[in-house]
Amino acid sequence: MSIRNDDHTRLQEVINRIAARMADEKERGRVRDGDDDSRLGAFGIAVHTADGTLVKAGDHGERFPIQSISKVFSLTLALERAGEDLWQRVGREPSGDPYNSIIDLERHHGIPRNPFINAGALVVIDVLLASESADERVPEPVRARIAALLGIEDEAQWPDRNAEILDSFATGHVNRALAHLTQSYGNLHHPIDRIIDTYVHQCAVRLNCGELARAGRYLMQERLGDATDSEQDVRMARRINALMLTCGQYDGSGEFAYRVGLPAKSGVSGGILAIVPNHASIAVWSPGLDESGNSALGTRALACLAEEMDWSVFGASFLPDNRL
C-alpha cells in the first residue's frame, strides 16, 4: 500500500494494523539474561514524516533506554567535530562478529571495524573528548544533543536515564577489556574510566518511540530542502545512513537490509531507529531480541511497514507521487 502526501490517516491505519498484528505474534524473541521479561511482547511504533506529522500506535509512550542507538548521535557529533579524520581511527565495514567481539578488535590491531560496534563507539567517544576545550566540556554530549533535537532548552527537562545502566559503570568488564586492548594499540588517548562513563551515560538515556523518531528527523534529509539545510548536513546524513544500513544491526545487518531495506540502528533494550530518506523517521520498540540482539517484533514490524508503504532505499514499486 502507498499513500499520498496529505493522506496521513491511511498511514495511521497501517501502523495500527501492524501493532495489532504484533500483538498476535507468538515468536517474540527473548530478553537478555538478567533483564526483566515482564514486558516481553510489548510493542510500540511512531513515524515522523518529513512534513512534521507524527503518528503512533501500540505502546509508543513507554520509555526505554536507547542503548546502542545512542551511537548514531555520538557519531554525528564526532563527524561534526573531527570530519573525515575520524576514519583514520575507526573503519566503515561490517564486522560479521558480535558487537562486543574482542577477537575482531585484535584481528585489526586496535582499529574497530565500524563505529556501531562497542569498540568503535569507545573510539568515537575518545574523539569527542579530544575535541572539547576545558571551557566547552559537556558531561553528557549525546544527552545534550538529543535534548536539542527535541527542542528542550531547560536542562532540568532533558530526557532521564536508566538507573540500572548507570550502575553498570563498575561492572562493564567486556567494554573495559575492549578499551584496554584498543588503548594498547595507541587508539585511545583519554582515561578509560572517563570514556566508559561517557558511554554508559549515553546508553542510559530513555526515550519513547515518538521522541526517538523526532530525534532522528535530521537523518531523513538526503536532499536540500528549506534554508535551514546545508550541503554538509545533507552529505553527513547520507553517509550515516549508509553505515546504518550496512552495520546498524550488528551481525544481522545483511538480513535486515534484505528484509526491510532501510537504514536503521538497534539497541539491546529492543529499540530500533529506522530512516526512510526524504520521507520519514521511524522508531519501534519491543524488548524481545533475536539471535543477533535486535528486536524480533520490531524487525518484523519494520518489514511489514516497508512493504505496505513501499519504502526501500533500493527502489520503489510505485510512482514517486504515490509515496509519502
C-alpha atoms as a PDB file:
ATOM      1  CA  MET A   1       0.000   0.000   0.000  1.00  0.00           C
ATOM      2  CA  SER A   2       1.213   3.531  -0.758  1.00  0.00           C
ATOM      3  CA  ILE A   3      -0.239   6.837   0.406  1.00  0.00           C
ATOM      4  CA  ARG A   4      -0.324  10.410  -0.833  1.00  0.00           C
ATOM      5  CA  ASN A   5       1.472  13.279   0.843  1.00  0.00           C
ATOM      6  CA  ASP A   6      -1.692  14.525   2.517  1.00  0.00           C
ATOM      7  CA  ASP A   7      -3.127  11.143   3.492  1.00  0.00           C
ATOM      8  CA  HIS A   8      -1.766  10.578   6.988  1.00  0.00           C
ATOM      9  CA  THR A   9      -4.979   8.867   8.018  1.00  0.00           C
ATOM     10  CA  ARG A  10      -4.002   5.901   5.909  1.00  0.00           C
ATOM     11  CA  LEU A  11      -0.532   5.813   7.471  1.00  0.00           C
ATOM     12  CA  GLN A  12      -2.199   5.718  10.887  1.00  0.00           C
ATOM     13  CA  GLU A  13      -4.353   2.821   9.727  1.00  0.00           C
ATOM     14  CA  VAL A  14      -1.272   0.957   8.505  1.00  0.00           C
ATOM     15  CA  ILE A  15       0.629   1.248  11.778  1.00  0.00           C
ATOM     16  CA  ASN A  16      -2.499   0.430  13.803  1.00  0.00           C
ATOM     17  CA  ARG A  17      -2.848  -2.749  11.777  1.00  0.00           C
ATOM     18  CA  ILE A  18       0.825  -3.585  12.259  1.00  0.00           C
ATOM     19  CA  ALA A  19       0.596  -3.016  16.025  1.00  0.00           C
ATOM     20  CA  ALA A  20      -2.391  -5.360  16.190  1.00  0.00           C
ATOM     21  CA  ARG A  21      -0.508  -7.950  14.156  1.00  0.00           C
ATOM     22  CA  MET A  22       2.489  -7.765  16.503  1.00  0.00           C
ATOM     23  CA  ALA A  23       0.189  -8.344  19.493  1.00  0.00           C
ATOM     24  CA  ASP A  24      -0.825 -11.679  17.954  1.00  0.00           C
ATOM     25  CA  GLU A  25       2.740 -12.808  17.168  1.00  0.00           C
ATOM     26  CA  LYS A  26       3.771 -15.942  19.068  1.00  0.00           C
ATOM     27  CA  GLU A  27       7.527 -15.740  18.498  1.00  0.00           C
ATOM     28  CA  ARG A  28       8.512 -12.643  20.447  1.00  0.00           C
ATOM     29  CA  GLY A  29      12.226 -13.261  20.972  1.00  0.00           C
ATOM     30  CA  ARG A  30      13.814 -13.223  24.400  1.00  0.00           C
ATOM     31  CA  VAL A  31      15.262 -10.622  26.712  1.00  0.00           C
ATOM     32  CA  ARG A  32      18.932 -10.643  27.637  1.00  0.00           C
ATOM     33  CA  ASP A  33      19.969 -12.727  30.626  1.00  0.00           C
ATOM     34  CA  GLY A  34      19.159 -10.863  33.812  1.00  0.00           C
ATOM     35  CA  ASP A  35      16.750  -8.403  32.175  1.00  0.00           C
ATOM     36  CA  ASP A  36      13.105  -8.078  33.183  1.00  0.00           C
ATOM     37  CA  ASP A  37      10.866 -10.148  30.896  1.00  0.00           C
ATOM     38  CA  SER A  38       7.557  -8.873  32.264  1.00  0.00           C
ATOM     39  CA  ARG A  39       7.033  -6.702  29.169  1.00  0.00           C
ATOM     40  CA  LEU A  40       8.045  -9.346  26.652  1.00  0.00           C
ATOM     41  CA  GLY A  41       5.642  -8.964  23.736  1.00  0.00           C
ATOM     42  CA  ALA A  42       5.032  -5.252  24.309  1.00  0.00           C
ATOM     43  CA  PHE A  43       5.302  -3.255  21.082  1.00  0.00           C
ATOM     44  CA  GLY A  44       5.311   0.436  20.181  1.00  0.00           C
ATOM     45  CA  ILE A  45       5.807   2.354  16.942  1.00  0.00           C
ATOM     46  CA  ALA A  46       5.987   6.004  15.894  1.00  0.00           C
ATOM     47  CA  VAL A  47       6.526   7.521  12.439  1.00  0.00           C
ATOM     48  CA  HIS A  48       7.596  11.144  11.990  1.00  0.00           C
ATOM     49  CA  THR A  49       7.044  12.251   8.396  1.00  0.00           C
ATOM     50  CA  ALA A  50       9.010  14.869   6.505  1.00  0.00           C
ATOM     51  CA  ASP A  51       6.144  17.341   6.744  1.00  0.00           C
ATOM     52  CA  GLY A  52       6.196  17.178  10.556  1.00  0.00           C
ATOM     53  CA  THR A  53       3.314  14.769  11.190  1.00  0.00           C
ATOM     54  CA  LEU A  54       3.805  12.226  13.989  1.00  0.00           C
ATOM     55  CA  VAL A  55       1.661   9.083  14.022  1.00  0.00           C
ATOM     56  CA  LYS A  56       1.889   6.467  16.790  1.00  0.00           C
ATOM     57  CA  ALA A  57       0.463   3.090  17.772  1.00  0.00           C
ATOM     58  CA  GLY A  58       0.823   0.371  20.399  1.00  0.00           C
ATOM     59  CA  ASP A  59       2.983   1.006  23.474  1.00  0.00           C
ATOM     60  CA  HIS A  60       4.528   4.079  21.878  1.00  0.00           C
ATOM     61  CA  GLY A  61       4.554   6.049  25.144  1.00  0.00           C
ATOM     62  CA  GLU A  62       6.674   3.572  27.106  1.00  0.00           C
ATOM     63  CA  ARG A  63      10.202   4.859  27.673  1.00  0.00           C
ATOM     64  CA  PHE A  64      13.214   2.596  27.228  1.00  0.00           C
ATOM     65  CA  PRO A  65      16.988   3.119  27.373  1.00  0.00           C
ATOM     66  CA  ILE A  66      18.206   3.721  23.853  1.00  0.00           C
ATOM     67  CA  GLN A  67      21.430   1.760  24.435  1.00  0.00           C
ATOM     68  CA  SER A  68      23.373   1.399  21.166  1.00  0.00           C
ATOM     69  CA  ILE A  69      21.036   3.681  19.227  1.00  0.00           C
ATOM     70  CA  SER A  70      22.956   6.410  21.067  1.00  0.00           C
ATOM     71  CA  LYS A  71      25.943   5.569  18.825  1.00  0.00           C
ATOM     72  CA  VAL A  72      24.178   7.311  15.928  1.00  0.00           C
ATOM     73  CA  PHE A  73      24.142  10.594  17.842  1.00  0.00           C
ATOM     74  CA  SER A  74      27.707  10.291  19.149  1.00  0.00           C
ATOM     75  CA  LEU A  75      28.893   9.502  15.608  1.00  0.00           C
ATOM     76  CA  THR A  76      27.098  12.622  14.355  1.00  0.00           C
ATOM     77  CA  LEU A  77      28.860  14.753  16.960  1.00  0.00           C
ATOM     78  CA  ALA A  78      32.254  13.207  16.172  1.00  0.00           C
ATOM     79  CA  LEU A  79      31.850  13.825  12.433  1.00  0.00           C
ATOM     80  CA  GLU A  80      30.863  17.430  13.098  1.00  0.00           C
ATOM     81  CA  ARG A  81      33.977  17.957  15.183  1.00  0.00           C
ATOM     82  CA  ALA A  82      36.608  15.773  13.523  1.00  0.00           C
ATOM     83  CA  GLY A  83      35.296  15.348   9.991  1.00  0.00           C
ATOM     84  CA  GLU A  84      36.947  12.743   7.775  1.00  0.00           C
ATOM     85  CA  ASP A  85      39.880  12.441  10.184  1.00  0.00           C
ATOM     86  CA  LEU A  86      37.630  10.182  12.260  1.00  0.00           C
ATOM     87  CA  TRP A  87      38.086   7.372   9.727  1.00  0.00           C
ATOM     88  CA  GLN A  88      41.786   7.124  10.462  1.00  0.00           C
ATOM     89  CA  ARG A  89      40.843   5.537  13.795  1.00  0.00           C
ATOM     90  CA  VAL A  90      37.693   3.536  13.046  1.00  0.00           C
ATOM     91  CA  GLY A  91      36.573   1.661   9.943  1.00  0.00           C
ATOM     92  CA  ARG A  92      33.391   1.661   7.913  1.00  0.00           C
ATOM     93  CA  GLU A  93      32.971  -2.054   7.233  1.00  0.00           C
ATOM     94  CA  PRO A  94      30.502  -4.605   8.687  1.00  0.00           C
ATOM     95  CA  SER A  95      32.188  -6.751  11.301  1.00  0.00           C
ATOM     96  CA  GLY A  96      30.421 -10.090  10.816  1.00  0.00           C
ATOM     97  CA  ASP A  97      31.048 -10.683  14.527  1.00  0.00           C
ATOM     98  CA  PRO A  98      29.101  -9.878  17.710  1.00  0.00           C
ATOM     99  CA  TYR A  99      29.011  -6.218  18.721  1.00  0.00           C
ATOM    100  CA  ASN A 100      31.361  -6.811  21.662  1.00  0.00           C
ATOM    101  CA  SER A 101      33.866  -9.108  19.951  1.00  0.00           C
ATOM    102  CA  ILE A 102      37.373  -8.657  21.311  1.00  0.00           C
ATOM    103  CA  ILE A 103      38.751 -11.105  18.727  1.00  0.00           C
ATOM    104  CA  ASP A 104      37.692  -8.809  15.883  1.00  0.00           C
ATOM    105  CA  LEU A 105      39.449  -5.875  17.543  1.00  0.00           C
ATOM    106  CA  GLU A 106      42.663  -7.842  17.995  1.00  0.00           C
ATOM    107  CA  ARG A 107      42.500  -9.091  14.411  1.00  0.00           C
ATOM    108  CA  HIS A 108      42.516  -5.491  13.150  1.00  0.00           C
ATOM    109  CA  HIS A 109      45.207  -4.217  15.516  1.00  0.00           C
ATOM    110  CA  GLY A 110      43.031  -1.908  17.589  1.00  0.00           C
ATOM    111  CA  ILE A 111      41.098  -0.312  14.701  1.00  0.00           C
ATOM    112  CA  PRO A 112      37.385  -1.160  15.193  1.00  0.00           C
ATOM    113  CA  ARG A 113      35.585  -2.262  12.057  1.00  0.00           C
ATOM    114  CA  ASN A 114      32.865   0.391  12.355  1.00  0.00           C
ATOM    115  CA  PRO A 115      31.528   2.982  14.821  1.00  0.00           C
ATOM    116  CA  PHE A 116      28.433   0.939  15.750  1.00  0.00           C
ATOM    117  CA  ILE A 117      30.161  -1.961  17.457  1.00  0.00           C
ATOM    118  CA  ASN A 118      31.172  -1.288  21.057  1.00  0.00           C
ATOM    119  CA  ALA A 119      34.884  -0.852  20.411  1.00  0.00           C
ATOM    120  CA  GLY A 120      34.080   1.627  17.636  1.00  0.00           C
ATOM    121  CA  ALA A 121      31.751   3.572  19.906  1.00  0.00           C
ATOM    122  CA  LEU A 122      34.523   3.901  22.503  1.00  0.00           C
ATOM    123  CA  VAL A 123      36.900   5.325  19.887  1.00  0.00           C
ATOM    124  CA  VAL A 124      34.179   7.769  18.780  1.00  0.00           C
ATOM    125  CA  ILE A 125      33.833   8.966  22.375  1.00  0.00           C
ATOM    126  CA  ASP A 126      37.605   9.392  22.640  1.00  0.00           C
ATOM    127  CA  VAL A 127      37.457  11.597  19.532  1.00  0.00           C
ATOM    128  CA  LEU A 128      34.667  13.652  21.114  1.00  0.00           C
ATOM    129  CA  LEU A 129      36.661  14.142  24.286  1.00  0.00           C
ATOM    130  CA  ALA A 130      39.694  15.266  22.286  1.00  0.00           C
ATOM    131  CA  SER A 131      37.643  17.967  20.555  1.00  0.00           C
ATOM    132  CA  GLU A 132      36.495  19.590  23.799  1.00  0.00           C
ATOM    133  CA  SER A 133      38.158  22.527  25.464  1.00  0.00           C
ATOM    134  CA  ALA A 134      38.088  22.905  29.241  1.00  0.00           C
ATOM    135  CA  ASP A 135      35.540  25.724  28.942  1.00  0.00           C
ATOM    136  CA  GLU A 136      33.265  23.903  26.492  1.00  0.00           C
ATOM    137  CA  ARG A 137      33.177  20.475  28.119  1.00  0.00           C
ATOM    138  CA  VAL A 138      29.723  18.887  28.140  1.00  0.00           C
ATOM    139  CA  PRO A 139      29.470  15.966  30.614  1.00  0.00           C
ATOM    140  CA  GLU A 140      26.812  14.184  28.560  1.00  0.00           C
ATOM    141  CA  PRO A 141      27.186  15.278  24.933  1.00  0.00           C
ATOM    142  CA  VAL A 142      24.716  12.772  23.468  1.00  0.00           C
ATOM    143  CA  ARG A 143      22.000  13.558  26.019  1.00  0.00           C
ATOM    144  CA  ALA A 144      22.534  17.258  25.361  1.00  0.00           C
ATOM    145  CA  ARG A 145      22.269  16.763  21.590  1.00  0.00           C
ATOM    146  CA  ILE A 146      19.090  14.680  21.893  1.00  0.00           C
ATOM    147  CA  ALA A 147      17.539  17.361  24.105  1.00  0.00           C
ATOM    148  CA  ALA A 148      18.405  19.961  21.452  1.00  0.00           C
ATOM    149  CA  LEU A 149      16.887  17.791  18.705  1.00  0.00           C
ATOM    150  CA  LEU A 150      13.698  17.559  20.783  1.00  0.00           C
ATOM    151  CA  GLY A 151      13.678  21.332  21.328  1.00  0.00           C
ATOM    152  CA  ILE A 152      14.258  21.074  25.099  1.00  0.00           C
ATOM    153  CA  GLU A 153      16.295  24.022  26.382  1.00  0.00           C
ATOM    154  CA  ASP A 154      15.849  23.570  30.144  1.00  0.00           C
ATOM    155  CA  GLU A 155      18.421  21.025  31.361  1.00  0.00           C
ATOM    156  CA  ALA A 156      16.050  20.002  34.133  1.00  0.00           C
ATOM    157  CA  GLN A 157      13.667  18.738  31.423  1.00  0.00           C
ATOM    158  CA  TRP A 158      16.238  16.718  29.467  1.00  0.00           C
ATOM    159  CA  PRO A 159      15.423  13.018  28.921  1.00  0.00           C
ATOM    160  CA  ASP A 160      16.084  10.975  32.041  1.00  0.00           C
ATOM    161  CA  ARG A 161      18.412   7.962  32.337  1.00  0.00           C
ATOM    162  CA  ASN A 162      18.002   4.339  33.329  1.00  0.00           C
ATOM    163  CA  ALA A 163      19.454   3.839  36.827  1.00  0.00           C
ATOM    164  CA  GLU A 164      20.454   0.203  36.282  1.00  0.00           C
ATOM    165  CA  ILE A 165      22.528   1.074  33.249  1.00  0.00           C
ATOM    166  CA  LEU A 166      24.209   3.905  35.138  1.00  0.00           C
ATOM    167  CA  ASP A 167      25.036   1.429  37.896  1.00  0.00           C
ATOM    168  CA  SER A 168      26.726  -0.863  35.350  1.00  0.00           C
ATOM    169  CA  PHE A 169      29.702   1.519  35.123  1.00  0.00           C
ATOM    170  CA  ALA A 170      31.731  -0.611  37.539  1.00  0.00           C
ATOM    171  CA  THR A 171      30.766  -3.970  36.033  1.00  0.00           C
ATOM    172  CA  GLY A 172      31.142  -3.436  32.283  1.00  0.00           C
ATOM    173  CA  HIS A 173      34.136  -5.744  32.128  1.00  0.00           C
ATOM    174  CA  VAL A 174      33.912  -6.608  28.421  1.00  0.00           C
ATOM    175  CA  ASN A 175      33.785  -2.937  27.414  1.00  0.00           C
ATOM    176  CA  ARG A 176      36.724  -2.233  29.685  1.00  0.00           C
ATOM    177  CA  ALA A 177      38.622  -5.098  28.084  1.00  0.00           C
ATOM    178  CA  LEU A 178      37.873  -3.635  24.652  1.00  0.00           C
ATOM    179  CA  ALA A 179      39.030  -0.214  25.837  1.00  0.00           C
ATOM    180  CA  HIS A 180      42.283  -1.549  27.306  1.00  0.00           C
ATOM    181  CA  LEU A 181      43.077  -3.518  24.156  1.00  0.00           C
ATOM    182  CA  THR A 182      42.315  -0.501  21.963  1.00  0.00           C
ATOM    183  CA  GLN A 183      44.491   1.664  24.180  1.00  0.00           C
ATOM    184  CA  SER A 184      47.319  -0.884  23.951  1.00  0.00           C
ATOM    185  CA  TYR A 185      47.390  -0.226  20.198  1.00  0.00           C
ATOM    186  CA  GLY A 186      47.506   3.535  20.798  1.00  0.00           C
ATOM    187  CA  ASN A 187      43.951   4.195  19.586  1.00  0.00           C
ATOM    188  CA  LEU A 188      42.538   5.661  22.830  1.00  0.00           C
ATOM    189  CA  HIS A 189      44.057   8.757  24.400  1.00  0.00           C
ATOM    190  CA  HIS A 190      41.850   9.555  27.397  1.00  0.00           C
ATOM    191  CA  PRO A 191      41.397   7.802  30.759  1.00  0.00           C
ATOM    192  CA  ILE A 192      39.383   4.638  30.284  1.00  0.00           C
ATOM    193  CA  ASP A 193      37.114   5.419  33.231  1.00  0.00           C
ATOM    194  CA  ARG A 194      36.108   8.690  31.604  1.00  0.00           C
ATOM    195  CA  ILE A 195      35.436   7.038  28.241  1.00  0.00           C
ATOM    196  CA  ILE A 196      33.361   4.259  29.810  1.00  0.00           C
ATOM    197  CA  ASP A 197      31.444   6.726  31.974  1.00  0.00           C
ATOM    198  CA  THR A 198      30.512   8.816  28.929  1.00  0.00           C
ATOM    199  CA  TYR A 199      29.481   5.681  27.041  1.00  0.00           C
ATOM    200  CA  VAL A 200      27.329   4.352  29.891  1.00  0.00           C
ATOM    201  CA  HIS A 201      25.568   7.699  30.298  1.00  0.00           C
ATOM    202  CA  GLN A 202      24.641   7.920  26.608  1.00  0.00           C
ATOM    203  CA  CYS A 203      23.330   4.337  26.569  1.00  0.00           C
ATOM    204  CA  ALA A 204      21.172   5.049  29.638  1.00  0.00           C
ATOM    205  CA  VAL A 205      19.160   7.874  28.022  1.00  0.00           C
ATOM    206  CA  ARG A 206      15.467   6.937  28.000  1.00  0.00           C
ATOM    207  CA  LEU A 207      13.083   7.888  25.205  1.00  0.00           C
ATOM    208  CA  ASN A 208       9.730   6.717  23.948  1.00  0.00           C
ATOM    209  CA  CYS A 209       9.045   5.911  20.299  1.00  0.00           C
ATOM    210  CA  GLY A 210       7.713   9.353  19.455  1.00  0.00           C
ATOM    211  CA  GLU A 211      10.721  11.090  20.993  1.00  0.00           C
ATOM    212  CA  LEU A 212      13.187   8.777  19.268  1.00  0.00           C
ATOM    213  CA  ALA A 213      11.507   9.282  15.884  1.00  0.00           C
ATOM    214  CA  ARG A 214      11.636  13.057  16.402  1.00  0.00           C
ATOM    215  CA  ALA A 215      15.297  12.946  17.434  1.00  0.00           C
ATOM    216  CA  GLY A 216      16.138  11.057  14.230  1.00  0.00           C
ATOM    217  CA  ARG A 217      14.466  13.546  11.873  1.00  0.00           C
ATOM    218  CA  TYR A 218      17.754  15.118  10.788  1.00  0.00           C
ATOM    219  CA  LEU A 219      18.798  11.827   9.176  1.00  0.00           C
ATOM    220  CA  MET A 220      15.871  11.720   6.760  1.00  0.00           C
ATOM    221  CA  GLN A 221      17.083  14.835   4.915  1.00  0.00           C
ATOM    222  CA  GLU A 222      19.109  13.497   2.000  1.00  0.00           C
ATOM    223  CA  ARG A 223      18.459  16.369  -0.365  1.00  0.00           C
ATOM    224  CA  LEU A 224      18.500  20.131   0.124  1.00  0.00           C
ATOM    225  CA  GLY A 225      15.139  21.455   1.272  1.00  0.00           C
ATOM    226  CA  ASP A 226      14.479  24.697   3.116  1.00  0.00           C
ATOM    227  CA  ALA A 227      17.010  27.386   4.026  1.00  0.00           C
ATOM    228  CA  THR A 228      17.992  25.602   7.257  1.00  0.00           C
ATOM    229  CA  ASP A 229      19.503  22.661   5.388  1.00  0.00           C
ATOM    230  CA  SER A 230      23.178  22.790   4.461  1.00  0.00           C
ATOM    231  CA  GLU A 231      25.007  20.727   1.879  1.00  0.00           C
ATOM    232  CA  GLN A 232      27.327  19.486   4.628  1.00  0.00           C
ATOM    233  CA  ASP A 233      24.399  18.294   6.790  1.00  0.00           C
ATOM    234  CA  VAL A 234      22.773  16.512   3.858  1.00  0.00           C
ATOM    235  CA  ARG A 235      26.039  14.804   2.935  1.00  0.00           C
ATOM    236  CA  MET A 236      26.612  13.691   6.534  1.00  0.00           C
ATOM    237  CA  ALA A 237      23.074  12.289   6.842  1.00  0.00           C
ATOM    238  CA  ARG A 238      23.627  10.276   3.673  1.00  0.00           C
ATOM    239  CA  ARG A 239      26.865   8.805   4.991  1.00  0.00           C
ATOM    240  CA  ILE A 240      25.474   7.976   8.412  1.00  0.00           C
ATOM    241  CA  ASN A 241      22.523   6.268   6.728  1.00  0.00           C
ATOM    242  CA  ALA A 242      24.958   4.198   4.651  1.00  0.00           C
ATOM    243  CA  LEU A 243      26.663   2.993   7.827  1.00  0.00           C
ATOM    244  CA  MET A 244      23.318   2.291   9.477  1.00  0.00           C
ATOM    245  CA  LEU A 245      22.286   0.148   6.518  1.00  0.00           C
ATOM    246  CA  THR A 246      25.491  -1.883   6.418  1.00  0.00           C
ATOM    247  CA  CYS A 247      26.443  -2.001  10.117  1.00  0.00           C
ATOM    248  CA  GLY A 248      23.482  -0.851  12.219  1.00  0.00           C
ATOM    249  CA  GLN A 249      22.100  -4.284  13.164  1.00  0.00           C
ATOM    250  CA  TYR A 250      25.379  -5.878  14.241  1.00  0.00           C
ATOM    251  CA  ASP A 251      25.983  -9.228  12.525  1.00  0.00           C
ATOM    252  CA  GLY A 252      22.326  -9.259  11.424  1.00  0.00           C
ATOM    253  CA  SER A 253      22.697  -6.189   9.188  1.00  0.00           C
ATOM    254  CA  GLY A 254      22.622  -8.095   5.907  1.00  0.00           C
ATOM    255  CA  GLU A 255      19.467  -9.976   6.856  1.00  0.00           C
ATOM    256  CA  PHE A 256      17.834  -6.734   7.989  1.00  0.00           C
ATOM    257  CA  ALA A 257      18.739  -4.975   4.730  1.00  0.00           C
ATOM    258  CA  TYR A 258      17.231  -7.878   2.793  1.00  0.00           C
ATOM    259  CA  ARG A 259      14.002  -7.945   4.813  1.00  0.00           C
ATOM    260  CA  VAL A 260      13.465  -4.230   5.481  1.00  0.00           C
ATOM    261  CA  GLY A 261      15.663  -2.303   3.040  1.00  0.00           C
ATOM    262  CA  LEU A 262      16.077   0.785   5.231  1.00  0.00           C
ATOM    263  CA  PRO A 263      18.978   2.289   7.204  1.00  0.00           C
ATOM    264  CA  ALA A 264      18.469   1.500  10.882  1.00  0.00           C
ATOM    265  CA  LYS A 265      20.228   1.256  14.231  1.00  0.00           C
ATOM    266  CA  SER A 266      19.153  -1.095  17.008  1.00  0.00           C
ATOM    267  CA  GLY A 267      19.730  -1.277  20.747  1.00  0.00           C
ATOM    268  CA  VAL A 268      19.633  -4.286  23.069  1.00  0.00           C
ATOM    269  CA  SER A 269      16.728  -2.805  25.038  1.00  0.00           C
ATOM    270  CA  GLY A 270      14.555  -3.513  21.975  1.00  0.00           C
ATOM    271  CA  GLY A 271      14.504  -0.153  20.235  1.00  0.00           C
ATOM    272  CA  ILE A 272      15.212   0.444  16.532  1.00  0.00           C
ATOM    273  CA  LEU A 273      15.539   3.795  14.775  1.00  0.00           C
ATOM    274  CA  ALA A 274      14.930   3.469  11.016  1.00  0.00           C
ATOM    275  CA  ILE A 275      15.124   6.119   8.307  1.00  0.00           C
ATOM    276  CA  VAL A 276      13.246   6.497   5.033  1.00  0.00           C
ATOM    277  CA  PRO A 277      15.406   9.119   3.291  1.00  0.00           C
ATOM    278  CA  ASN A 278      13.444  12.282   2.460  1.00  0.00           C
ATOM    279  CA  HIS A 279      10.229  10.737   3.791  1.00  0.00           C
ATOM    280  CA  ALA A 280      10.176   9.576   7.416  1.00  0.00           C
ATOM    281  CA  SER A 281      11.964   8.764  10.649  1.00  0.00           C
ATOM    282  CA  ILE A 282      10.610   5.635  12.359  1.00  0.00           C
ATOM    283  CA  ALA A 283      11.057   4.294  15.874  1.00  0.00           C
ATOM    284  CA  VAL A 284       9.892   0.890  17.072  1.00  0.00           C
ATOM    285  CA  TRP A 285      10.313  -0.797  20.429  1.00  0.00           C
ATOM    286  CA  SER A 286       9.772  -4.323  21.684  1.00  0.00           C
ATOM    287  CA  PRO A 287      12.141  -5.864  24.261  1.00  0.00           C
ATOM    288  CA  GLY A 288      12.294  -9.432  22.910  1.00  0.00           C
ATOM    289  CA  LEU A 289      15.503  -9.905  20.903  1.00  0.00           C
ATOM    290  CA  ASP A 290      16.505 -12.211  18.064  1.00  0.00           C
ATOM    291  CA  GLU A 291      19.794 -14.116  17.909  1.00  0.00           C
ATOM    292  CA  SER A 292      21.685 -11.031  16.673  1.00  0.00           C
ATOM    293  CA  GLY A 293      20.459  -8.856  19.537  1.00  0.00           C
ATOM    294  CA  ASN A 294      17.878  -6.914  17.516  1.00  0.00           C
ATOM    295  CA  SER A 295      14.211  -6.517  18.425  1.00  0.00           C
ATOM    296  CA  ALA A 296      12.333  -9.508  17.000  1.00  0.00           C
ATOM    297  CA  LEU A 297       8.915  -7.860  16.769  1.00  0.00           C
ATOM    298  CA  GLY A 298      10.473  -4.518  15.839  1.00  0.00           C
ATOM    299  CA  THR A 299      12.215  -6.055  12.844  1.00  0.00           C
ATOM    300  CA  ARG A 300       9.036  -7.815  11.701  1.00  0.00           C
ATOM    301  CA  ALA A 301       7.033  -4.615  12.106  1.00  0.00           C
ATOM    302  CA  LEU A 302       9.512  -2.605  10.044  1.00  0.00           C
ATOM    303  CA  ALA A 303       9.438  -5.271   7.324  1.00  0.00           C
ATOM    304  CA  CYS A 304       5.634  -5.026   7.237  1.00  0.00           C
ATOM    305  CA  LEU A 305       5.704  -1.215   7.193  1.00  0.00           C
ATOM    306  CA  ALA A 306       8.292  -1.077   4.408  1.00  0.00           C
ATOM    307  CA  GLU A 307       6.247  -3.479   2.300  1.00  0.00           C
ATOM    308  CA  GLU A 308       2.897  -1.773   2.857  1.00  0.00           C
ATOM    309  CA  MET A 309       4.272   1.731   2.336  1.00  0.00           C
ATOM    310  CA  ASP A 310       6.613   0.696  -0.498  1.00  0.00           C
ATOM    311  CA  TRP A 311       9.558   2.217   1.388  1.00  0.00           C
ATOM    312  CA  SER A 312      13.022   0.991   0.429  1.00  0.00           C
ATOM    313  CA  VAL A 313      16.362   2.566  -0.396  1.00  0.00           C
ATOM    314  CA  PHE A 314      16.640   0.004  -3.191  1.00  0.00           C
ATOM    315  CA  GLY A 315      13.793   1.453  -5.238  1.00  0.00           C
ATOM    316  CA  ALA A 316      10.025   1.842  -5.276  1.00  0.00           C
ATOM    317  CA  SER A 317       7.343  -0.271  -6.864  1.00  0.00           C
ATOM    318  CA  PHE A 318       5.026   2.695  -7.348  1.00  0.00           C
ATOM    319  CA  LEU A 319       5.362   6.123  -8.941  1.00  0.00           C
ATOM    320  CA  PRO A 320       7.066   8.749  -6.732  1.00  0.00           C
ATOM    321  CA  ASP A 321       3.937  10.907  -6.371  1.00  0.00           C
ATOM    322  CA  ASN A 322       2.140   7.951  -4.759  1.00  0.00           C
ATOM    323  CA  ARG A 323       4.628   7.716  -1.901  1.00  0.00           C
ATOM    324  CA  LEU A 324       4.587   9.580   1.407  1.00  0.00           C
END
